[in-house]
Protein backbone atom coordinates (compact mmCIF):
# COMPACT_ATOMS: atom_id res chain seq x y z
CA UNK A 1 0.00 0.00 0.00
CA UNK A 2 1.05 3.60 -0.60
CA UNK A 3 0.07 6.31 1.90
CA UNK A 4 2.07 9.24 3.28
CA UNK A 5 0.42 8.81 6.73
CA UNK A 6 2.57 6.45 8.81
CA UNK A 7 -0.27 5.55 11.20
CA UNK A 8 -2.47 4.53 8.25
CA UNK A 9 0.32 2.41 6.78
CA UNK A 10 0.93 0.71 10.10
CA UNK A 11 -2.76 0.04 10.76
CA UNK A 12 -3.56 -1.26 7.30
CA UNK A 13 -0.38 -3.32 7.23
CA UNK A 14 -1.60 -5.15 10.33
CA UNK A 15 -5.08 -5.54 8.83
CA UNK A 16 -3.81 -7.10 5.61
CA UNK A 17 -1.45 -9.46 7.41
CA UNK A 18 -4.26 -10.59 9.72
CA UNK A 19 -6.33 -11.33 6.58
CA UNK A 20 -3.53 -13.52 5.22
CA UNK A 21 -1.97 -11.12 2.72
CA UNK A 22 1.74 -10.33 2.39
CA UNK A 23 1.80 -6.56 2.80
CA UNK A 24 4.40 -3.98 1.81
CA UNK A 25 4.01 -0.32 2.68
CA UNK A 26 5.43 2.77 0.96
CA UNK A 27 5.38 6.41 2.06
CA UNK A 28 5.21 7.83 -1.48
CA UNK A 29 4.46 6.98 -5.08
CA UNK A 30 8.12 7.54 -5.90
CA UNK A 31 9.14 4.92 -3.31
CA UNK A 32 6.73 2.44 -4.86
CA UNK A 33 8.02 3.05 -8.38
CA UNK A 34 11.59 2.45 -7.15
CA UNK A 35 10.77 -1.02 -5.81
CA UNK A 36 11.89 -4.16 -7.58
CA UNK A 37 9.25 -5.29 -10.07
CA UNK A 38 7.15 -8.20 -8.78
CA UNK A 39 5.89 -10.58 -11.46
CA UNK A 40 2.97 -12.03 -9.49
CA UNK A 41 -0.53 -10.63 -8.83
CA UNK A 42 -0.56 -7.30 -6.98
CA UNK A 43 -3.32 -5.31 -5.29
CA UNK A 44 -2.17 -1.74 -4.73
CA UNK A 45 -4.06 0.09 -1.99
CA UNK A 46 -3.38 3.70 -2.86
CA UNK A 47 -4.02 7.06 -1.20
CA UNK A 48 -5.22 9.80 -3.54
CA UNK A 49 -3.58 12.89 -2.02
CA UNK A 50 0.15 12.62 -1.35
CA UNK A 51 3.15 14.96 -1.66
CA UNK A 52 4.92 14.63 -4.99
CA UNK A 53 3.24 12.25 -7.40
CA UNK A 54 -0.35 11.72 -6.25
CA UNK A 55 -2.44 8.56 -6.47
CA UNK A 56 -3.98 9.32 -9.84
CA UNK A 57 -0.55 10.19 -11.21
CA UNK A 58 0.83 6.85 -10.01
CA UNK A 59 -2.14 5.05 -11.58
CA UNK A 60 -1.41 6.76 -14.91
CA UNK A 61 2.31 5.95 -14.69
CA UNK A 62 1.63 2.27 -14.01
CA UNK A 63 -0.84 2.13 -16.90
CA UNK A 64 1.80 3.53 -19.27
CA UNK A 65 4.21 0.86 -18.02
CA UNK A 66 1.70 -1.85 -18.84
CA UNK A 67 1.76 -2.96 -15.22
CA UNK A 68 -0.64 -5.56 -13.80
CA UNK A 69 -1.39 -3.86 -10.48
CA UNK A 70 -5.08 -3.69 -9.60
CA UNK A 71 -5.74 -0.54 -7.59
CA UNK A 72 -8.04 0.15 -4.64
CA UNK A 73 -8.08 3.85 -3.83
CA UNK A 74 -8.50 5.17 -0.29
CA UNK A 75 -8.89 8.85 0.54
CA UNK A 76 -9.95 11.26 3.22
CA UNK A 77 -10.83 13.86 0.60
CA UNK A 78 -13.06 12.06 -1.89
CA UNK A 79 -15.02 13.87 -4.57
CA UNK A 80 -17.13 12.64 -7.45
CA UNK A 81 -14.82 13.81 -10.25
CA UNK A 82 -11.73 12.18 -8.72
CA UNK A 83 -13.59 8.94 -8.04
CA UNK A 84 -14.97 8.92 -11.58
CA UNK A 85 -11.52 9.46 -13.08
CA UNK A 86 -10.02 6.69 -10.96
CA UNK A 87 -12.74 4.18 -11.82
CA UNK A 88 -12.67 5.03 -15.53
CA UNK A 89 -8.94 4.31 -15.47
CA UNK A 90 -9.61 0.84 -14.12
CA UNK A 91 -9.57 1.11 -10.32
CA UNK A 92 -11.30 -1.72 -8.47
CA UNK A 93 -12.85 0.56 -5.84
CA UNK A 94 -12.69 4.06 -4.37
CA UNK A 95 -13.16 4.11 -0.60
CA UNK A 96 -13.51 7.23 1.56
CA UNK A 97 -11.92 7.31 5.03
CA UNK A 98 -13.08 6.16 7.49
CA UNK A 99 -14.08 2.98 5.68
CA UNK A 100 -15.17 -0.41 6.91
CA UNK A 101 -12.33 -2.95 7.19
CA UNK A 102 -14.51 -5.70 5.74
CA UNK A 103 -15.33 -3.52 2.73
CA UNK A 104 -11.63 -2.89 2.12
CA UNK A 105 -10.69 -6.57 2.42
CA UNK A 106 -13.46 -7.49 -0.03
CA UNK A 107 -12.12 -4.93 -2.50
CA UNK A 108 -8.60 -6.33 -2.06
CA UNK A 109 -9.88 -9.85 -2.64
CA UNK A 110 -11.55 -8.76 -5.90
CA UNK A 111 -8.39 -6.94 -6.95
CA UNK A 112 -6.29 -10.09 -6.54
CA UNK A 113 -8.80 -12.11 -8.56
CA UNK A 114 -8.63 -9.54 -11.37
CA UNK A 115 -4.83 -9.41 -11.18
CA UNK A 116 -4.55 -13.21 -11.47
CA UNK A 117 -6.95 -13.19 -14.43
CA UNK A 118 -4.98 -10.44 -16.16
CA UNK A 119 -1.67 -12.24 -15.62
CA UNK A 120 -3.18 -15.45 -17.00
CA UNK A 121 -4.38 -13.65 -20.14
CA UNK A 122 -1.01 -11.96 -20.53
CA UNK A 123 0.70 -15.35 -20.31
CA UNK A 124 -1.63 -16.79 -22.94
CA UNK A 125 -0.95 -13.82 -25.21
CA UNK A 126 2.82 -14.20 -24.79
CA UNK A 127 2.63 -17.93 -25.55
CA UNK A 128 0.42 -17.38 -28.61
CA UNK A 129 2.72 -14.67 -29.95
CA UNK A 130 5.65 -17.02 -29.52
CA UNK A 131 3.93 -19.47 -31.87
CA UNK A 132 3.05 -16.74 -34.37
CA UNK A 133 6.67 -15.58 -34.52
CA UNK A 134 7.66 -19.00 -35.93
CA UNK A 135 5.74 -18.25 -39.12
CA UNK A 136 7.41 -16.93 -42.24
CA UNK A 137 6.07 -13.62 -43.64
CA UNK A 138 4.14 -15.54 -46.32
CA UNK A 139 2.68 -18.00 -43.78
CA UNK A 140 1.61 -15.08 -41.62
CA UNK A 141 -0.09 -13.53 -44.65
CA UNK A 142 -1.93 -16.80 -45.35
CA UNK A 143 -2.93 -17.06 -41.68
CA UNK A 144 -4.65 -13.68 -41.80
CA UNK A 145 -6.64 -14.67 -44.87
CA UNK A 146 -7.62 -18.00 -43.31
CA UNK A 147 -8.99 -16.34 -40.15
CA UNK A 148 -10.78 -13.89 -42.43
CA UNK A 149 -12.73 -16.92 -43.67
CA UNK A 150 -11.34 -17.29 -47.19
CA UNK A 151 -10.95 -20.64 -48.94
CA UNK A 152 -7.60 -21.79 -50.36
CA UNK A 153 -8.56 -20.87 -53.91
CA UNK A 154 -9.67 -17.40 -52.78
CA UNK A 155 -6.41 -16.84 -50.91
CA UNK A 156 -4.49 -18.02 -53.96
CA UNK A 157 -6.30 -15.43 -56.07
CA UNK A 158 -5.54 -12.69 -53.55
CA UNK A 159 -1.85 -13.60 -53.42
CA UNK A 160 -1.54 -14.41 -57.13
CA UNK A 161 -0.24 -17.91 -56.60
CA UNK A 162 -1.35 -21.53 -57.05
CA UNK A 163 -3.98 -23.08 -54.81
CA UNK A 164 -1.66 -26.01 -54.04
CA UNK A 165 0.95 -23.55 -52.77
CA UNK A 166 -1.58 -22.03 -50.39
CA UNK A 167 -2.51 -25.52 -49.21
CA UNK A 168 1.14 -26.16 -48.30
CA UNK A 169 1.46 -22.83 -46.48
CA UNK A 170 -1.80 -23.44 -44.65
CA UNK A 171 -0.60 -26.86 -43.50
CA UNK A 172 2.62 -25.38 -42.16
CA UNK A 173 0.67 -22.67 -40.33
CA UNK A 174 -1.51 -25.27 -38.63
CA UNK A 175 1.54 -27.33 -37.71
CA UNK A 176 3.57 -24.43 -36.30
CA UNK A 177 0.64 -23.09 -34.30
CA UNK A 178 -0.16 -26.62 -33.08
CA UNK A 179 -3.85 -26.51 -34.06
CA UNK A 180 -6.07 -28.90 -36.01
CA UNK A 181 -9.03 -26.72 -36.93
CA UNK A 182 -9.83 -23.22 -38.14
CA UNK A 183 -11.72 -22.32 -34.91
CA UNK A 184 -8.58 -23.21 -32.92
CA UNK A 185 -6.52 -21.15 -35.35
CA UNK A 186 -8.83 -18.19 -34.81
CA UNK A 187 -8.56 -18.52 -31.02
CA UNK A 188 -4.74 -18.56 -31.08
CA UNK A 189 -4.73 -15.57 -33.43
CA UNK A 190 -7.09 -13.62 -31.19
CA UNK A 191 -4.96 -14.32 -28.12
CA UNK A 192 -1.89 -13.09 -30.00
CA UNK A 193 -3.69 -9.94 -31.18
CA UNK A 194 -3.58 -10.86 -34.88
CA UNK A 195 -6.32 -9.25 -36.94
CA UNK A 196 -7.87 -10.82 -40.10
CA UNK A 197 -6.63 -9.57 -43.45
CA UNK A 198 -8.37 -6.67 -45.16
CA UNK A 199 -6.16 -6.66 -48.22
CA UNK A 200 -3.10 -8.59 -49.39
CA UNK A 201 -0.72 -5.75 -48.61
CA UNK A 202 -1.58 -5.19 -44.95
CA UNK A 203 -0.16 -7.46 -42.25
CA UNK A 204 -0.21 -6.36 -38.68
CA UNK A 205 -0.03 -7.55 -35.08
CA UNK A 206 -1.73 -5.05 -32.79
C-alpha atoms as a PDB file:
ATOM      1  CA  UNK A   1       0.000   0.000   0.000  1.00  0.00           C
ATOM      2  CA  UNK A   2       1.055   3.596  -0.601  1.00  0.00           C
ATOM      3  CA  UNK A   3       0.065   6.311   1.900  1.00  0.00           C
ATOM      4  CA  UNK A   4       2.068   9.236   3.284  1.00  0.00           C
ATOM      5  CA  UNK A   5       0.416   8.810   6.729  1.00  0.00           C
ATOM      6  CA  UNK A   6       2.567   6.448   8.811  1.00  0.00           C
ATOM      7  CA  UNK A   7      -0.268   5.554  11.200  1.00  0.00           C
ATOM      8  CA  UNK A   8      -2.473   4.532   8.253  1.00  0.00           C
ATOM      9  CA  UNK A   9       0.324   2.412   6.782  1.00  0.00           C
ATOM     10  CA  UNK A  10       0.930   0.713  10.105  1.00  0.00           C
ATOM     11  CA  UNK A  11      -2.764   0.039  10.763  1.00  0.00           C
ATOM     12  CA  UNK A  12      -3.564  -1.258   7.303  1.00  0.00           C
ATOM     13  CA  UNK A  13      -0.382  -3.318   7.227  1.00  0.00           C
ATOM     14  CA  UNK A  14      -1.599  -5.151  10.330  1.00  0.00           C
ATOM     15  CA  UNK A  15      -5.084  -5.543   8.831  1.00  0.00           C
ATOM     16  CA  UNK A  16      -3.809  -7.097   5.608  1.00  0.00           C
ATOM     17  CA  UNK A  17      -1.454  -9.462   7.406  1.00  0.00           C
ATOM     18  CA  UNK A  18      -4.262 -10.587   9.715  1.00  0.00           C
ATOM     19  CA  UNK A  19      -6.326 -11.326   6.577  1.00  0.00           C
ATOM     20  CA  UNK A  20      -3.529 -13.522   5.219  1.00  0.00           C
ATOM     21  CA  UNK A  21      -1.970 -11.115   2.722  1.00  0.00           C
ATOM     22  CA  UNK A  22       1.735 -10.326   2.391  1.00  0.00           C
ATOM     23  CA  UNK A  23       1.796  -6.557   2.800  1.00  0.00           C
ATOM     24  CA  UNK A  24       4.405  -3.985   1.812  1.00  0.00           C
ATOM     25  CA  UNK A  25       4.011  -0.319   2.679  1.00  0.00           C
ATOM     26  CA  UNK A  26       5.429   2.765   0.963  1.00  0.00           C
ATOM     27  CA  UNK A  27       5.377   6.409   2.057  1.00  0.00           C
ATOM     28  CA  UNK A  28       5.210   7.832  -1.479  1.00  0.00           C
ATOM     29  CA  UNK A  29       4.455   6.979  -5.076  1.00  0.00           C
ATOM     30  CA  UNK A  30       8.117   7.542  -5.899  1.00  0.00           C
ATOM     31  CA  UNK A  31       9.140   4.922  -3.314  1.00  0.00           C
ATOM     32  CA  UNK A  32       6.732   2.445  -4.857  1.00  0.00           C
ATOM     33  CA  UNK A  33       8.023   3.051  -8.382  1.00  0.00           C
ATOM     34  CA  UNK A  34      11.586   2.453  -7.154  1.00  0.00           C
ATOM     35  CA  UNK A  35      10.766  -1.020  -5.806  1.00  0.00           C
ATOM     36  CA  UNK A  36      11.888  -4.161  -7.579  1.00  0.00           C
ATOM     37  CA  UNK A  37       9.249  -5.292 -10.072  1.00  0.00           C
ATOM     38  CA  UNK A  38       7.145  -8.196  -8.781  1.00  0.00           C
ATOM     39  CA  UNK A  39       5.894 -10.578 -11.465  1.00  0.00           C
ATOM     40  CA  UNK A  40       2.973 -12.033  -9.493  1.00  0.00           C
ATOM     41  CA  UNK A  41      -0.528 -10.634  -8.829  1.00  0.00           C
ATOM     42  CA  UNK A  42      -0.563  -7.299  -6.980  1.00  0.00           C
ATOM     43  CA  UNK A  43      -3.315  -5.314  -5.294  1.00  0.00           C
ATOM     44  CA  UNK A  44      -2.174  -1.740  -4.733  1.00  0.00           C
ATOM     45  CA  UNK A  45      -4.061   0.086  -1.986  1.00  0.00           C
ATOM     46  CA  UNK A  46      -3.380   3.702  -2.857  1.00  0.00           C
ATOM     47  CA  UNK A  47      -4.018   7.059  -1.204  1.00  0.00           C
ATOM     48  CA  UNK A  48      -5.219   9.802  -3.536  1.00  0.00           C
ATOM     49  CA  UNK A  49      -3.583  12.887  -2.024  1.00  0.00           C
ATOM     50  CA  UNK A  50       0.152  12.625  -1.350  1.00  0.00           C
ATOM     51  CA  UNK A  51       3.148  14.960  -1.659  1.00  0.00           C
ATOM     52  CA  UNK A  52       4.919  14.627  -4.994  1.00  0.00           C
ATOM     53  CA  UNK A  53       3.240  12.247  -7.400  1.00  0.00           C
ATOM     54  CA  UNK A  54      -0.354  11.723  -6.250  1.00  0.00           C
ATOM     55  CA  UNK A  55      -2.439   8.564  -6.465  1.00  0.00           C
ATOM     56  CA  UNK A  56      -3.981   9.325  -9.836  1.00  0.00           C
ATOM     57  CA  UNK A  57      -0.547  10.186 -11.207  1.00  0.00           C
ATOM     58  CA  UNK A  58       0.833   6.851 -10.011  1.00  0.00           C
ATOM     59  CA  UNK A  59      -2.139   5.050 -11.576  1.00  0.00           C
ATOM     60  CA  UNK A  60      -1.414   6.756 -14.913  1.00  0.00           C
ATOM     61  CA  UNK A  61       2.312   5.953 -14.691  1.00  0.00           C
ATOM     62  CA  UNK A  62       1.631   2.273 -14.007  1.00  0.00           C
ATOM     63  CA  UNK A  63      -0.844   2.132 -16.896  1.00  0.00           C
ATOM     64  CA  UNK A  64       1.799   3.526 -19.266  1.00  0.00           C
ATOM     65  CA  UNK A  65       4.214   0.861 -18.022  1.00  0.00           C
ATOM     66  CA  UNK A  66       1.700  -1.848 -18.843  1.00  0.00           C
ATOM     67  CA  UNK A  67       1.762  -2.956 -15.216  1.00  0.00           C
ATOM     68  CA  UNK A  68      -0.635  -5.562 -13.796  1.00  0.00           C
ATOM     69  CA  UNK A  69      -1.388  -3.855 -10.482  1.00  0.00           C
ATOM     70  CA  UNK A  70      -5.076  -3.685  -9.602  1.00  0.00           C
ATOM     71  CA  UNK A  71      -5.745  -0.541  -7.592  1.00  0.00           C
ATOM     72  CA  UNK A  72      -8.038   0.145  -4.638  1.00  0.00           C
ATOM     73  CA  UNK A  73      -8.076   3.853  -3.831  1.00  0.00           C
ATOM     74  CA  UNK A  74      -8.499   5.170  -0.294  1.00  0.00           C
ATOM     75  CA  UNK A  75      -8.895   8.847   0.540  1.00  0.00           C
ATOM     76  CA  UNK A  76      -9.954  11.259   3.219  1.00  0.00           C
ATOM     77  CA  UNK A  77     -10.835  13.856   0.601  1.00  0.00           C
ATOM     78  CA  UNK A  78     -13.061  12.063  -1.887  1.00  0.00           C
ATOM     79  CA  UNK A  79     -15.017  13.873  -4.567  1.00  0.00           C
ATOM     80  CA  UNK A  80     -17.125  12.641  -7.451  1.00  0.00           C
ATOM     81  CA  UNK A  81     -14.820  13.814 -10.248  1.00  0.00           C
ATOM     82  CA  UNK A  82     -11.726  12.176  -8.720  1.00  0.00           C
ATOM     83  CA  UNK A  83     -13.589   8.943  -8.040  1.00  0.00           C
ATOM     84  CA  UNK A  84     -14.969   8.917 -11.575  1.00  0.00           C
ATOM     85  CA  UNK A  85     -11.518   9.460 -13.085  1.00  0.00           C
ATOM     86  CA  UNK A  86     -10.015   6.691 -10.955  1.00  0.00           C
ATOM     87  CA  UNK A  87     -12.744   4.176 -11.820  1.00  0.00           C
ATOM     88  CA  UNK A  88     -12.670   5.032 -15.533  1.00  0.00           C
ATOM     89  CA  UNK A  89      -8.941   4.312 -15.467  1.00  0.00           C
ATOM     90  CA  UNK A  90      -9.606   0.838 -14.121  1.00  0.00           C
ATOM     91  CA  UNK A  91      -9.565   1.114 -10.318  1.00  0.00           C
ATOM     92  CA  UNK A  92     -11.304  -1.722  -8.469  1.00  0.00           C
ATOM     93  CA  UNK A  93     -12.847   0.556  -5.839  1.00  0.00           C
ATOM     94  CA  UNK A  94     -12.689   4.056  -4.365  1.00  0.00           C
ATOM     95  CA  UNK A  95     -13.159   4.109  -0.597  1.00  0.00           C
ATOM     96  CA  UNK A  96     -13.512   7.225   1.560  1.00  0.00           C
ATOM     97  CA  UNK A  97     -11.922   7.308   5.026  1.00  0.00           C
ATOM     98  CA  UNK A  98     -13.084   6.162   7.492  1.00  0.00           C
ATOM     99  CA  UNK A  99     -14.081   2.983   5.681  1.00  0.00           C
ATOM    100  CA  UNK A 100     -15.166  -0.414   6.906  1.00  0.00           C
ATOM    101  CA  UNK A 101     -12.330  -2.947   7.187  1.00  0.00           C
ATOM    102  CA  UNK A 102     -14.513  -5.698   5.741  1.00  0.00           C
ATOM    103  CA  UNK A 103     -15.328  -3.520   2.729  1.00  0.00           C
ATOM    104  CA  UNK A 104     -11.629  -2.893   2.125  1.00  0.00           C
ATOM    105  CA  UNK A 105     -10.694  -6.568   2.418  1.00  0.00           C
ATOM    106  CA  UNK A 106     -13.459  -7.493  -0.033  1.00  0.00           C
ATOM    107  CA  UNK A 107     -12.121  -4.931  -2.499  1.00  0.00           C
ATOM    108  CA  UNK A 108      -8.599  -6.327  -2.058  1.00  0.00           C
ATOM    109  CA  UNK A 109      -9.883  -9.846  -2.637  1.00  0.00           C
ATOM    110  CA  UNK A 110     -11.551  -8.765  -5.902  1.00  0.00           C
ATOM    111  CA  UNK A 111      -8.386  -6.941  -6.947  1.00  0.00           C
ATOM    112  CA  UNK A 112      -6.293 -10.086  -6.538  1.00  0.00           C
ATOM    113  CA  UNK A 113      -8.801 -12.112  -8.555  1.00  0.00           C
ATOM    114  CA  UNK A 114      -8.627  -9.538 -11.373  1.00  0.00           C
ATOM    115  CA  UNK A 115      -4.826  -9.413 -11.178  1.00  0.00           C
ATOM    116  CA  UNK A 116      -4.553 -13.206 -11.475  1.00  0.00           C
ATOM    117  CA  UNK A 117      -6.950 -13.190 -14.427  1.00  0.00           C
ATOM    118  CA  UNK A 118      -4.979 -10.442 -16.159  1.00  0.00           C
ATOM    119  CA  UNK A 119      -1.667 -12.243 -15.618  1.00  0.00           C
ATOM    120  CA  UNK A 120      -3.178 -15.448 -17.000  1.00  0.00           C
ATOM    121  CA  UNK A 121      -4.378 -13.654 -20.137  1.00  0.00           C
ATOM    122  CA  UNK A 122      -1.008 -11.962 -20.530  1.00  0.00           C
ATOM    123  CA  UNK A 123       0.702 -15.347 -20.306  1.00  0.00           C
ATOM    124  CA  UNK A 124      -1.628 -16.794 -22.936  1.00  0.00           C
ATOM    125  CA  UNK A 125      -0.951 -13.817 -25.209  1.00  0.00           C
ATOM    126  CA  UNK A 126       2.816 -14.196 -24.789  1.00  0.00           C
ATOM    127  CA  UNK A 127       2.628 -17.929 -25.549  1.00  0.00           C
ATOM    128  CA  UNK A 128       0.418 -17.381 -28.612  1.00  0.00           C
ATOM    129  CA  UNK A 129       2.724 -14.669 -29.949  1.00  0.00           C
ATOM    130  CA  UNK A 130       5.653 -17.020 -29.518  1.00  0.00           C
ATOM    131  CA  UNK A 131       3.933 -19.470 -31.866  1.00  0.00           C
ATOM    132  CA  UNK A 132       3.053 -16.741 -34.366  1.00  0.00           C
ATOM    133  CA  UNK A 133       6.671 -15.582 -34.519  1.00  0.00           C
ATOM    134  CA  UNK A 134       7.659 -18.995 -35.926  1.00  0.00           C
ATOM    135  CA  UNK A 135       5.736 -18.248 -39.124  1.00  0.00           C
ATOM    136  CA  UNK A 136       7.414 -16.925 -42.240  1.00  0.00           C
ATOM    137  CA  UNK A 137       6.069 -13.617 -43.639  1.00  0.00           C
ATOM    138  CA  UNK A 138       4.144 -15.544 -46.321  1.00  0.00           C
ATOM    139  CA  UNK A 139       2.682 -17.997 -43.782  1.00  0.00           C
ATOM    140  CA  UNK A 140       1.606 -15.078 -41.620  1.00  0.00           C
ATOM    141  CA  UNK A 141      -0.092 -13.530 -44.645  1.00  0.00           C
ATOM    142  CA  UNK A 142      -1.926 -16.795 -45.353  1.00  0.00           C
ATOM    143  CA  UNK A 143      -2.927 -17.055 -41.680  1.00  0.00           C
ATOM    144  CA  UNK A 144      -4.647 -13.676 -41.796  1.00  0.00           C
ATOM    145  CA  UNK A 145      -6.642 -14.670 -44.869  1.00  0.00           C
ATOM    146  CA  UNK A 146      -7.623 -18.001 -43.307  1.00  0.00           C
ATOM    147  CA  UNK A 147      -8.987 -16.336 -40.150  1.00  0.00           C
ATOM    148  CA  UNK A 148     -10.781 -13.892 -42.429  1.00  0.00           C
ATOM    149  CA  UNK A 149     -12.734 -16.918 -43.670  1.00  0.00           C
ATOM    150  CA  UNK A 150     -11.342 -17.291 -47.190  1.00  0.00           C
ATOM    151  CA  UNK A 151     -10.946 -20.645 -48.936  1.00  0.00           C
ATOM    152  CA  UNK A 152      -7.598 -21.790 -50.358  1.00  0.00           C
ATOM    153  CA  UNK A 153      -8.558 -20.867 -53.910  1.00  0.00           C
ATOM    154  CA  UNK A 154      -9.671 -17.403 -52.778  1.00  0.00           C
ATOM    155  CA  UNK A 155      -6.411 -16.835 -50.906  1.00  0.00           C
ATOM    156  CA  UNK A 156      -4.492 -18.024 -53.956  1.00  0.00           C
ATOM    157  CA  UNK A 157      -6.304 -15.434 -56.069  1.00  0.00           C
ATOM    158  CA  UNK A 158      -5.541 -12.687 -53.546  1.00  0.00           C
ATOM    159  CA  UNK A 159      -1.848 -13.602 -53.421  1.00  0.00           C
ATOM    160  CA  UNK A 160      -1.542 -14.411 -57.134  1.00  0.00           C
ATOM    161  CA  UNK A 161      -0.237 -17.913 -56.604  1.00  0.00           C
ATOM    162  CA  UNK A 162      -1.347 -21.527 -57.053  1.00  0.00           C
ATOM    163  CA  UNK A 163      -3.978 -23.081 -54.814  1.00  0.00           C
ATOM    164  CA  UNK A 164      -1.665 -26.009 -54.036  1.00  0.00           C
ATOM    165  CA  UNK A 165       0.952 -23.546 -52.773  1.00  0.00           C
ATOM    166  CA  UNK A 166      -1.583 -22.028 -50.389  1.00  0.00           C
ATOM    167  CA  UNK A 167      -2.506 -25.519 -49.210  1.00  0.00           C
ATOM    168  CA  UNK A 168       1.144 -26.159 -48.301  1.00  0.00           C
ATOM    169  CA  UNK A 169       1.462 -22.827 -46.482  1.00  0.00           C
ATOM    170  CA  UNK A 170      -1.798 -23.445 -44.646  1.00  0.00           C
ATOM    171  CA  UNK A 171      -0.601 -26.860 -43.500  1.00  0.00           C
ATOM    172  CA  UNK A 172       2.615 -25.380 -42.165  1.00  0.00           C
ATOM    173  CA  UNK A 173       0.674 -22.673 -40.330  1.00  0.00           C
ATOM    174  CA  UNK A 174      -1.512 -25.275 -38.632  1.00  0.00           C
ATOM    175  CA  UNK A 175       1.544 -27.327 -37.708  1.00  0.00           C
ATOM    176  CA  UNK A 176       3.573 -24.432 -36.302  1.00  0.00           C
ATOM    177  CA  UNK A 177       0.643 -23.089 -34.296  1.00  0.00           C
ATOM    178  CA  UNK A 178      -0.159 -26.624 -33.081  1.00  0.00           C
ATOM    179  CA  UNK A 179      -3.846 -26.511 -34.060  1.00  0.00           C
ATOM    180  CA  UNK A 180      -6.066 -28.901 -36.009  1.00  0.00           C
ATOM    181  CA  UNK A 181      -9.028 -26.719 -36.927  1.00  0.00           C
ATOM    182  CA  UNK A 182      -9.825 -23.221 -38.141  1.00  0.00           C
ATOM    183  CA  UNK A 183     -11.718 -22.315 -34.915  1.00  0.00           C
ATOM    184  CA  UNK A 184      -8.576 -23.208 -32.922  1.00  0.00           C
ATOM    185  CA  UNK A 185      -6.521 -21.150 -35.352  1.00  0.00           C
ATOM    186  CA  UNK A 186      -8.833 -18.189 -34.812  1.00  0.00           C
ATOM    187  CA  UNK A 187      -8.558 -18.518 -31.018  1.00  0.00           C
ATOM    188  CA  UNK A 188      -4.741 -18.559 -31.076  1.00  0.00           C
ATOM    189  CA  UNK A 189      -4.731 -15.565 -33.426  1.00  0.00           C
ATOM    190  CA  UNK A 190      -7.086 -13.621 -31.185  1.00  0.00           C
ATOM    191  CA  UNK A 191      -4.958 -14.318 -28.119  1.00  0.00           C
ATOM    192  CA  UNK A 192      -1.893 -13.087 -30.004  1.00  0.00           C
ATOM    193  CA  UNK A 193      -3.689  -9.944 -31.182  1.00  0.00           C
ATOM    194  CA  UNK A 194      -3.583 -10.865 -34.882  1.00  0.00           C
ATOM    195  CA  UNK A 195      -6.322  -9.252 -36.942  1.00  0.00           C
ATOM    196  CA  UNK A 196      -7.874 -10.816 -40.095  1.00  0.00           C
ATOM    197  CA  UNK A 197      -6.626  -9.572 -43.451  1.00  0.00           C
ATOM    198  CA  UNK A 198      -8.366  -6.670 -45.157  1.00  0.00           C
ATOM    199  CA  UNK A 199      -6.160  -6.657 -48.219  1.00  0.00           C
ATOM    200  CA  UNK A 200      -3.096  -8.595 -49.387  1.00  0.00           C
ATOM    201  CA  UNK A 201      -0.723  -5.747 -48.606  1.00  0.00           C
ATOM    202  CA  UNK A 202      -1.576  -5.188 -44.955  1.00  0.00           C
ATOM    203  CA  UNK A 203      -0.156  -7.462 -42.253  1.00  0.00           C
ATOM    204  CA  UNK A 204      -0.212  -6.356 -38.678  1.00  0.00           C
ATOM    205  CA  UNK A 205      -0.029  -7.549 -35.077  1.00  0.00           C
ATOM    206  CA  UNK A 206      -1.731  -5.047 -32.785  1.00  0.00           C
END
